[in-house]
Amino acid sequence: MSQTEYPVMEGVISLPYRWALGPVNARFFEEFKQKRIFGTRCPKCSRVLVPARKFCPRCFVDTGEWVQVKDEGTLRTWAFISYSYVAQPKEPPYITAVIDLDGADVGFSHYVGGVDFSDLEKIKARVKIGMPVRAVWKEKREGKITDIEYFAPVG
C-alpha cells in the first residue's frame, strides 16, 4: 500500500495556557505600560539582558540591578514572512527581526513595520542589517510584549 492510500485524520488542537510571570517578568512587562524597556545586569560579566532575566544564562549568577535601555537600536537580522502556517503569531505579511537595543547586550526579537510589504524588492531596498529602528508603542498598553506594535526604521 503506498503512502497516498493511507487514510488521513484531521483535527484542531487548542492549547490554552496561563504563564506565571514571576517577579522579574512581571516588572519587565509592567514597565511597558510606561513605554519603558528595562533589562537586568549580570554582576559578573556586566551584560544587560533584555528581556530581563532572573539570572545570567552565561555566568549562572542571579541578576539584581535593573537598567533602563532605549526603545531604539540597530537591526541585527530579519526575515520576511509572506505565507501562513499553523500557530502563527500574526497574519502575514510581516517581518520578524532581532534588534540590538541601545544599552542592551543581547538581541531582542520583535517585528519590523512601517514599511511597504507589497513588493519584496522594495522591502529589501528599505530594510537593511545595521539600520537604526525605534519602537512604535500601542496607544493603550497592557503590560505585554505586543505593547510594542513593531520597530520602525529611523530616517
Protein backbone atom coordinates (compact mmCIF):
# COMPACT_ATOMS: atom_id res chain seq x y z
CA MET A 1 0.00 0.00 0.00
CA SER A 2 1.52 3.37 -0.96
CA GLN A 3 1.56 6.34 1.39
CA THR A 4 -1.18 8.09 -0.59
CA GLU A 5 -3.55 5.20 0.14
CA TYR A 6 -3.45 5.67 3.91
CA PRO A 7 -6.39 7.50 5.43
CA VAL A 8 -5.81 10.98 6.79
CA MET A 9 -7.18 12.14 10.12
CA GLU A 10 -7.72 15.87 10.54
CA GLY A 11 -8.37 17.86 13.67
CA VAL A 12 -7.60 21.02 15.59
CA ILE A 13 -5.63 21.09 18.81
CA SER A 14 -6.12 24.08 21.06
CA LEU A 15 -3.60 24.69 23.82
CA PRO A 16 -4.78 27.44 26.11
CA TYR A 17 -2.21 28.35 28.74
CA ARG A 18 -1.51 30.56 31.71
CA TRP A 19 2.03 31.77 32.25
CA ALA A 20 3.18 32.66 35.75
CA LEU A 21 5.42 35.67 35.15
CA GLY A 22 7.30 35.73 38.42
CA PRO A 23 8.76 38.94 39.84
CA VAL A 24 11.31 39.64 37.08
CA ASN A 25 8.98 39.22 34.09
CA ALA A 26 6.18 40.96 35.98
CA ARG A 27 8.32 44.08 36.38
CA PHE A 28 9.69 43.84 32.83
CA PHE A 29 6.17 43.90 31.36
CA GLU A 30 4.81 46.40 33.88
CA GLU A 31 7.39 48.92 32.62
CA PHE A 32 5.96 48.53 29.10
CA LYS A 33 2.82 50.32 30.29
CA GLN A 34 5.02 53.43 30.68
CA LYS A 35 6.80 52.89 27.33
CA ARG A 36 9.97 51.80 29.10
CA ILE A 37 12.22 48.83 28.43
CA PHE A 38 14.29 47.53 31.32
CA GLY A 39 16.83 44.79 31.48
CA THR A 40 18.83 43.24 34.28
CA ARG A 41 22.62 43.47 34.57
CA CYS A 42 24.77 40.46 35.36
CA PRO A 43 27.05 41.29 38.32
CA LYS A 44 29.78 39.00 36.93
CA CYS A 45 30.00 39.76 33.17
CA SER A 46 28.15 43.13 33.26
CA ARG A 47 25.90 42.22 30.31
CA VAL A 48 22.49 43.91 30.28
CA LEU A 49 19.90 41.24 29.47
CA VAL A 50 16.68 42.18 27.67
CA PRO A 51 14.14 40.80 28.24
CA ALA A 52 15.11 40.99 31.90
CA ARG A 53 16.19 37.70 33.45
CA LYS A 54 16.45 36.40 36.99
CA PHE A 55 19.93 35.02 36.32
CA CYS A 56 22.61 35.35 33.67
CA PRO A 57 22.47 32.33 31.34
CA ARG A 58 26.20 32.70 30.64
CA CYS A 59 27.52 33.08 34.21
CA PHE A 60 24.71 31.32 36.13
CA VAL A 61 24.56 34.06 38.77
CA ASP A 62 21.49 35.98 39.90
CA THR A 63 20.94 39.40 38.45
CA GLY A 64 19.54 42.17 40.60
CA GLU A 65 20.34 45.53 39.09
CA TRP A 66 17.67 46.94 36.79
CA VAL A 67 18.84 49.04 33.84
CA GLN A 68 16.67 51.08 31.50
CA VAL A 69 17.62 50.71 27.84
CA LYS A 70 16.45 52.76 24.90
CA ASP A 71 13.46 51.76 22.82
CA GLU A 72 15.63 52.14 19.74
CA GLY A 73 18.52 50.19 18.38
CA THR A 74 20.06 48.51 15.36
CA LEU A 75 18.64 45.76 13.18
CA ARG A 76 20.84 42.65 13.55
CA THR A 77 18.90 40.31 11.25
CA TRP A 78 15.42 39.91 9.79
CA ALA A 79 13.11 37.59 7.87
CA PHE A 80 10.10 38.46 5.73
CA ILE A 81 7.14 36.15 6.36
CA SER A 82 4.67 36.09 3.49
CA TYR A 83 2.90 32.76 3.96
CA SER A 84 0.56 31.35 6.61
CA TYR A 85 1.29 28.41 8.88
CA VAL A 86 -0.28 26.85 11.96
CA ALA A 87 0.04 28.78 15.24
CA GLN A 88 1.39 31.88 13.55
CA PRO A 89 1.75 34.86 15.92
CA LYS A 90 0.10 37.26 13.44
CA GLU A 91 -1.29 37.34 9.92
CA PRO A 92 1.30 37.72 7.17
CA PRO A 93 2.88 39.63 5.69
CA TYR A 94 5.27 40.74 8.42
CA ILE A 95 8.94 40.98 9.26
CA THR A 96 10.35 39.27 12.31
CA ALA A 97 13.73 40.52 13.48
CA VAL A 98 16.46 40.54 16.08
CA ILE A 99 17.22 44.05 17.29
CA ASP A 100 20.23 45.20 19.29
CA LEU A 101 18.63 47.75 21.62
CA ASP A 102 20.83 50.66 22.65
CA GLY A 103 22.07 49.83 26.14
CA ALA A 104 21.42 46.07 25.95
CA ASP A 105 23.96 43.33 25.29
CA VAL A 106 21.71 40.66 23.81
CA GLY A 107 19.38 40.63 20.81
CA PHE A 108 15.67 41.40 21.26
CA SER A 109 13.20 39.58 19.00
CA HIS A 110 10.27 41.56 17.65
CA TYR A 111 8.62 42.79 14.46
CA VAL A 112 9.72 45.43 11.99
CA GLY A 113 6.97 47.55 10.47
CA GLY A 114 6.40 50.91 8.92
CA VAL A 115 7.49 49.60 5.53
CA ASP A 116 5.57 48.70 2.38
CA PHE A 117 5.09 44.91 2.36
CA SER A 118 3.61 44.78 -1.17
CA ASP A 119 6.89 44.20 -3.01
CA LEU A 120 9.87 42.14 -1.82
CA GLU A 121 12.32 44.30 -3.79
CA LYS A 122 11.01 47.43 -2.02
CA ILE A 123 11.38 45.67 1.33
CA LYS A 124 14.98 44.66 0.56
CA ALA A 125 15.77 48.22 -0.54
CA ARG A 126 14.37 49.68 2.71
CA VAL A 127 15.17 47.07 5.38
CA LYS A 128 18.90 46.66 5.93
CA ILE A 129 21.00 44.92 8.55
CA GLY A 130 22.58 47.64 10.67
CA MET A 131 19.81 50.18 10.12
CA PRO A 132 18.51 52.14 13.11
CA VAL A 133 15.00 51.31 14.33
CA ARG A 134 12.69 52.71 17.01
CA ALA A 135 9.77 51.12 18.88
CA VAL A 136 6.26 52.08 17.87
CA TRP A 137 4.17 51.70 21.02
CA LYS A 138 0.45 51.00 21.13
CA GLU A 139 -1.66 53.84 22.43
CA LYS A 140 -3.30 51.58 25.03
CA ARG A 141 -0.73 49.36 26.69
CA GLU A 142 -1.47 46.29 28.82
CA GLY A 143 1.93 45.12 30.01
CA LYS A 144 2.51 42.60 27.19
CA ILE A 145 5.21 42.16 24.56
CA THR A 146 2.63 43.29 22.00
CA ASP A 147 2.55 46.74 23.63
CA ILE A 148 5.31 47.40 21.13
CA GLU A 149 3.49 47.10 17.81
CA TYR A 150 6.75 46.95 15.87
CA PHE A 151 10.10 48.64 15.37
CA ALA A 152 10.14 51.18 12.53
CA PRO A 153 13.13 52.32 10.50
CA VAL A 154 14.52 55.67 11.68
CA GLY A 155 15.10 58.27 9.00
